[in-house]
């Protein structure tokens, strides 16, 4: 199988001296949906931010066969769609259209192609007709979906999501999970919502203290109460 992400001996230290990642080795293959779980401060977001070069540590990070470096950064970011936990970190334009069109415009695509991609992305997230709305006047759930649309408009090969169901009410959470199920590309999902991870991901990686402590099939990981509790996690209520 094709390796979409390959990380070898990745270490990362923040400027204040806090070490966030220790000797990370992992591979993710085309078409997989992989959940990354762990307690607060485990290093989940730090790891995700290495996948499109927002952060750079010591070690090797390859995405789609390209090493994450200055020479490949533009191409990698066109292929790896990163959706932040807080949509307000992703939405900064006056209208939904402008936010969703931002990426394709940076690719210097023709205007008709940009408009087509915006229309397609909004249809996928169930928000057709929102083009002229202000993102800042939308509900939190709608903002989450618009953030996803800003990435889908780039036609990514890898979708990276940080806590995609956080702070959503039950209905919006269910809609978000169903939406992600329909997206048939490689997905890497970090989160505390283990029921969501169980429903979306065939494989789970546990991070704790910046280290990978487990990597295996979802049913095996979720079924190991001792492993989960030892790493600050709880067995989800629904496991069928």
Protein backbone atom coordinates (compact mmCIF):
# COMPACT_ATOMS: atom_id res chain seq x y z
CA UNK A 1 0.00 0.00 0.00
CA UNK A 2 1.06 3.57 -0.68
CA UNK A 3 2.43 5.47 2.31
CA UNK A 4 0.70 8.84 2.49
CA UNK A 5 2.47 9.95 5.68
CA UNK A 6 5.83 8.68 6.89
CA UNK A 7 7.43 10.07 10.05
CA UNK A 8 10.79 8.95 11.40
CA UNK A 9 12.45 9.94 14.68
CA UNK A 10 10.48 13.19 15.01
CA UNK A 11 11.27 15.31 18.05
CA UNK A 12 9.93 18.78 18.77
CA UNK A 13 10.75 21.36 21.43
CA UNK A 14 8.79 24.61 21.84
CA UNK A 15 10.75 27.89 22.18
CA UNK A 16 10.11 27.94 25.94
CA UNK A 17 12.00 24.65 26.25
CA UNK A 18 9.00 22.34 26.64
CA UNK A 19 9.55 19.13 24.72
CA UNK A 20 6.31 18.09 23.03
CA UNK A 21 7.23 15.11 20.84
CA UNK A 22 9.69 12.29 21.50
CA UNK A 23 11.03 9.95 18.79
CA UNK A 24 7.79 9.69 16.81
CA UNK A 25 7.79 6.93 14.18
CA UNK A 26 4.57 6.31 12.24
CA UNK A 27 3.17 5.60 8.80
CA UNK A 28 -0.31 6.18 7.43
CA UNK A 29 -1.47 4.54 4.22
CA UNK A 30 -3.70 5.72 1.40
CA UNK A 31 -7.39 5.42 2.20
CA UNK A 32 -6.93 4.87 5.92
CA UNK A 33 -8.88 6.74 8.58
CA UNK A 34 -6.61 7.01 11.61
CA UNK A 35 -7.58 8.40 15.00
CA UNK A 36 -4.98 10.04 17.21
CA UNK A 37 -6.08 10.08 20.84
CA UNK A 38 -4.57 11.00 24.19
CA UNK A 39 -5.05 13.28 27.17
CA UNK A 40 -4.64 17.06 27.09
CA UNK A 41 -1.02 17.97 26.47
CA UNK A 42 -0.23 14.62 24.84
CA UNK A 43 1.12 16.28 21.68
CA UNK A 44 -1.78 15.55 19.31
CA UNK A 45 -2.12 19.05 17.85
CA UNK A 46 1.65 19.49 17.76
CA UNK A 47 1.93 16.33 15.69
CA UNK A 48 -0.82 17.39 13.28
CA UNK A 49 0.85 20.75 12.67
CA UNK A 50 3.94 18.97 11.38
CA UNK A 51 1.97 17.42 8.53
CA UNK A 52 1.83 20.63 6.52
CA UNK A 53 4.86 22.40 7.92
CA UNK A 54 3.23 24.80 10.38
CA UNK A 55 5.71 23.36 12.90
CA UNK A 56 9.10 21.82 12.12
CA UNK A 57 10.92 19.51 14.45
CA UNK A 58 14.03 17.37 14.21
CA UNK A 59 13.52 14.19 12.25
CA UNK A 60 11.91 13.34 8.93
CA UNK A 61 8.33 14.03 7.91
CA UNK A 62 7.22 12.91 4.44
CA UNK A 63 3.78 13.48 2.97
CA UNK A 64 2.82 11.89 -0.34
CA UNK A 65 6.47 11.04 -0.85
CA UNK A 66 7.62 14.64 -0.38
CA UNK A 67 9.72 15.70 2.58
CA UNK A 68 8.19 18.62 4.45
CA UNK A 69 10.63 21.44 3.72
CA UNK A 70 10.62 24.92 2.19
CA UNK A 71 10.97 23.57 -1.33
CA UNK A 72 7.89 21.33 -1.09
CA UNK A 73 5.73 23.33 1.29
CA UNK A 74 3.42 24.94 -1.25
CA UNK A 75 2.69 21.64 -2.99
CA UNK A 76 2.19 19.79 0.30
CA UNK A 77 -0.25 22.39 1.60
CA UNK A 78 -2.30 22.05 -1.58
CA UNK A 79 -2.62 18.31 -0.91
CA UNK A 80 -2.98 18.21 2.88
CA UNK A 81 -6.09 19.90 4.24
CA UNK A 82 -5.79 20.88 7.91
CA UNK A 83 -8.98 21.81 9.77
CA UNK A 84 -8.34 23.52 13.11
CA UNK A 85 -10.26 22.79 16.30
CA UNK A 86 -11.52 26.38 16.57
CA UNK A 87 -13.11 27.57 13.31
CA UNK A 88 -12.37 31.18 14.23
CA UNK A 89 -8.70 30.32 13.66
CA UNK A 90 -9.57 29.35 10.07
CA UNK A 91 -12.20 31.88 9.00
CA UNK A 92 -10.96 35.42 8.46
CA UNK A 93 -12.73 36.78 5.36
CA UNK A 94 -15.86 38.96 5.22
CA UNK A 95 -17.97 36.34 3.42
CA UNK A 96 -18.22 32.56 3.28
CA UNK A 97 -17.45 32.68 -0.45
CA UNK A 98 -14.19 34.53 0.18
CA UNK A 99 -13.09 32.07 2.84
CA UNK A 100 -13.85 28.97 0.76
CA UNK A 101 -12.34 30.54 -2.37
CA UNK A 102 -9.13 31.63 -0.62
CA UNK A 103 -7.20 28.39 -1.21
CA UNK A 104 -8.15 27.86 -4.86
CA UNK A 105 -7.37 31.52 -5.60
CA UNK A 106 -3.89 31.02 -4.10
CA UNK A 107 -3.45 28.14 -6.54
CA UNK A 108 -4.10 30.72 -9.29
CA UNK A 109 -7.00 28.72 -10.69
CA UNK A 110 -9.30 30.37 -13.26
CA UNK A 111 -12.27 32.27 -11.84
CA UNK A 112 -14.85 29.82 -13.20
CA UNK A 113 -12.98 26.90 -11.61
CA UNK A 114 -12.80 28.74 -8.28
CA UNK A 115 -16.54 29.39 -8.32
CA UNK A 116 -17.22 25.77 -9.21
CA UNK A 117 -15.03 24.54 -6.35
CA UNK A 118 -16.72 26.84 -3.84
CA UNK A 119 -20.15 25.63 -4.96
CA UNK A 120 -19.05 21.99 -4.77
CA UNK A 121 -17.46 22.36 -1.31
CA UNK A 122 -20.50 24.08 0.17
CA UNK A 123 -22.77 21.39 -1.26
CA UNK A 124 -20.61 18.71 0.38
CA UNK A 125 -20.96 20.31 3.83
CA UNK A 126 -24.68 20.99 3.38
CA UNK A 127 -24.42 24.78 3.26
CA UNK A 128 -25.31 25.67 -0.32
CA UNK A 129 -26.49 29.26 -0.61
CA UNK A 130 -24.29 30.53 2.22
CA UNK A 131 -21.83 32.26 -0.12
CA UNK A 132 -22.74 35.83 0.87
CA UNK A 133 -23.22 35.14 4.56
CA UNK A 134 -20.72 36.46 7.10
CA UNK A 135 -18.88 33.56 8.74
CA UNK A 136 -18.83 35.40 12.05
CA UNK A 137 -22.64 35.47 12.22
CA UNK A 138 -23.04 31.71 11.78
CA UNK A 139 -23.63 29.13 14.50
CA UNK A 140 -20.59 27.31 15.83
CA UNK A 141 -21.62 24.13 14.01
CA UNK A 142 -21.99 26.03 10.73
CA UNK A 143 -18.57 27.60 11.26
CA UNK A 144 -17.10 24.13 11.72
CA UNK A 145 -18.59 23.01 8.42
CA UNK A 146 -17.43 26.15 6.60
CA UNK A 147 -13.91 25.50 7.93
CA UNK A 148 -14.13 22.03 6.43
CA UNK A 149 -15.36 23.51 3.14
CA UNK A 150 -12.30 25.83 2.97
CA UNK A 151 -10.17 22.69 2.88
CA UNK A 152 -12.39 20.60 0.59
CA UNK A 153 -12.28 23.36 -2.05
CA UNK A 154 -8.56 22.56 -2.43
CA UNK A 155 -9.36 18.95 -3.44
CA UNK A 156 -6.91 17.55 -0.86
CA UNK A 157 -5.58 14.01 -0.86
CA UNK A 158 -5.22 13.96 2.93
CA UNK A 159 -7.70 15.45 5.41
CA UNK A 160 -6.34 16.31 8.86
CA UNK A 161 -8.85 17.26 11.55
CA UNK A 162 -8.22 18.50 15.08
CA UNK A 163 -11.15 17.79 17.44
CA UNK A 164 -13.83 17.99 14.70
CA UNK A 165 -16.75 17.45 17.14
CA UNK A 166 -15.57 19.63 20.03
CA UNK A 167 -18.13 22.09 21.46
CA UNK A 168 -20.93 20.86 19.18
CA UNK A 169 -24.45 20.14 20.41
CA UNK A 170 -25.71 16.55 19.88
CA UNK A 171 -27.42 17.25 16.57
CA UNK A 172 -24.49 19.19 15.09
CA UNK A 173 -22.11 16.52 16.34
CA UNK A 174 -24.11 13.78 14.62
CA UNK A 175 -24.24 15.80 11.39
CA UNK A 176 -20.49 16.36 11.52
CA UNK A 177 -19.76 12.66 12.01
CA UNK A 178 -22.08 11.67 9.14
CA UNK A 179 -20.46 14.28 6.92
CA UNK A 180 -16.96 12.97 7.64
CA UNK A 181 -18.09 9.40 6.91
CA UNK A 182 -19.00 10.49 3.38
CA UNK A 183 -15.56 11.93 2.61
CA UNK A 184 -13.62 9.12 0.93
CA UNK A 185 -10.02 10.23 1.25
CA UNK A 186 -7.25 9.52 3.75
CA UNK A 187 -8.26 11.02 7.10
CA UNK A 188 -6.22 11.71 10.23
CA UNK A 189 -8.45 12.72 13.14
CA UNK A 190 -7.25 13.86 16.56
CA UNK A 191 -9.78 14.03 19.36
CA UNK A 192 -11.11 13.19 22.80
CA UNK A 193 -14.48 12.04 21.44
CA UNK A 194 -13.77 8.32 21.43
CA UNK A 195 -17.23 7.37 20.17
CA UNK A 196 -16.60 9.61 17.15
CA UNK A 197 -13.15 8.07 16.64
CA UNK A 198 -14.64 4.58 16.98
CA UNK A 199 -17.26 5.37 14.34
CA UNK A 200 -14.86 6.92 11.83
CA UNK A 201 -11.46 5.30 12.24
CA UNK A 202 -10.25 1.79 11.57
CA UNK A 203 -6.98 2.39 13.39
CA UNK A 204 -5.97 4.32 16.49
CA UNK A 205 -2.68 5.79 17.68
CA UNK A 206 -2.41 6.74 21.36
CA UNK A 207 -0.12 9.61 22.27
CA UNK A 208 0.80 10.31 25.88
CA UNK A 209 3.50 12.65 27.08
CA UNK A 210 4.61 13.25 23.51
CA UNK A 211 5.26 9.56 22.86
CA UNK A 212 3.37 6.92 20.88
CA UNK A 213 2.31 4.32 23.43
CA UNK A 214 0.00 2.24 21.23
CA UNK A 215 -0.85 1.82 17.55
CA UNK A 216 -3.44 -0.73 16.49
CA UNK A 217 -6.86 -1.61 15.18
CA UNK A 218 -9.65 0.46 16.69
CA UNK A 219 -11.58 -2.45 18.24
CA UNK A 220 -8.44 -3.71 19.99
CA UNK A 221 -7.50 -0.30 21.36
CA UNK A 222 -11.01 0.70 22.41
CA UNK A 223 -11.52 -2.70 24.06
CA UNK A 224 -8.40 -2.38 26.23
CA UNK A 225 -9.72 -0.59 29.33
CA UNK A 226 -6.42 -0.86 31.17
CA UNK A 227 -4.49 0.74 28.30
CA UNK A 228 -6.97 3.59 27.93
CA UNK A 229 -7.19 4.38 31.63
CA UNK A 230 -3.40 4.25 32.00
CA UNK A 231 -3.22 7.04 29.41
CA UNK A 232 -5.91 9.33 30.79
CA UNK A 233 -8.74 8.02 28.60
CA UNK A 234 -12.05 6.31 29.24
CA UNK A 235 -13.74 3.46 27.41
CA UNK A 236 -16.52 4.95 25.25
CA UNK A 237 -20.11 4.10 26.16
CA UNK A 238 -20.94 2.80 22.69
CA UNK A 239 -18.59 0.20 21.23
CA UNK A 240 -20.74 -1.78 18.81
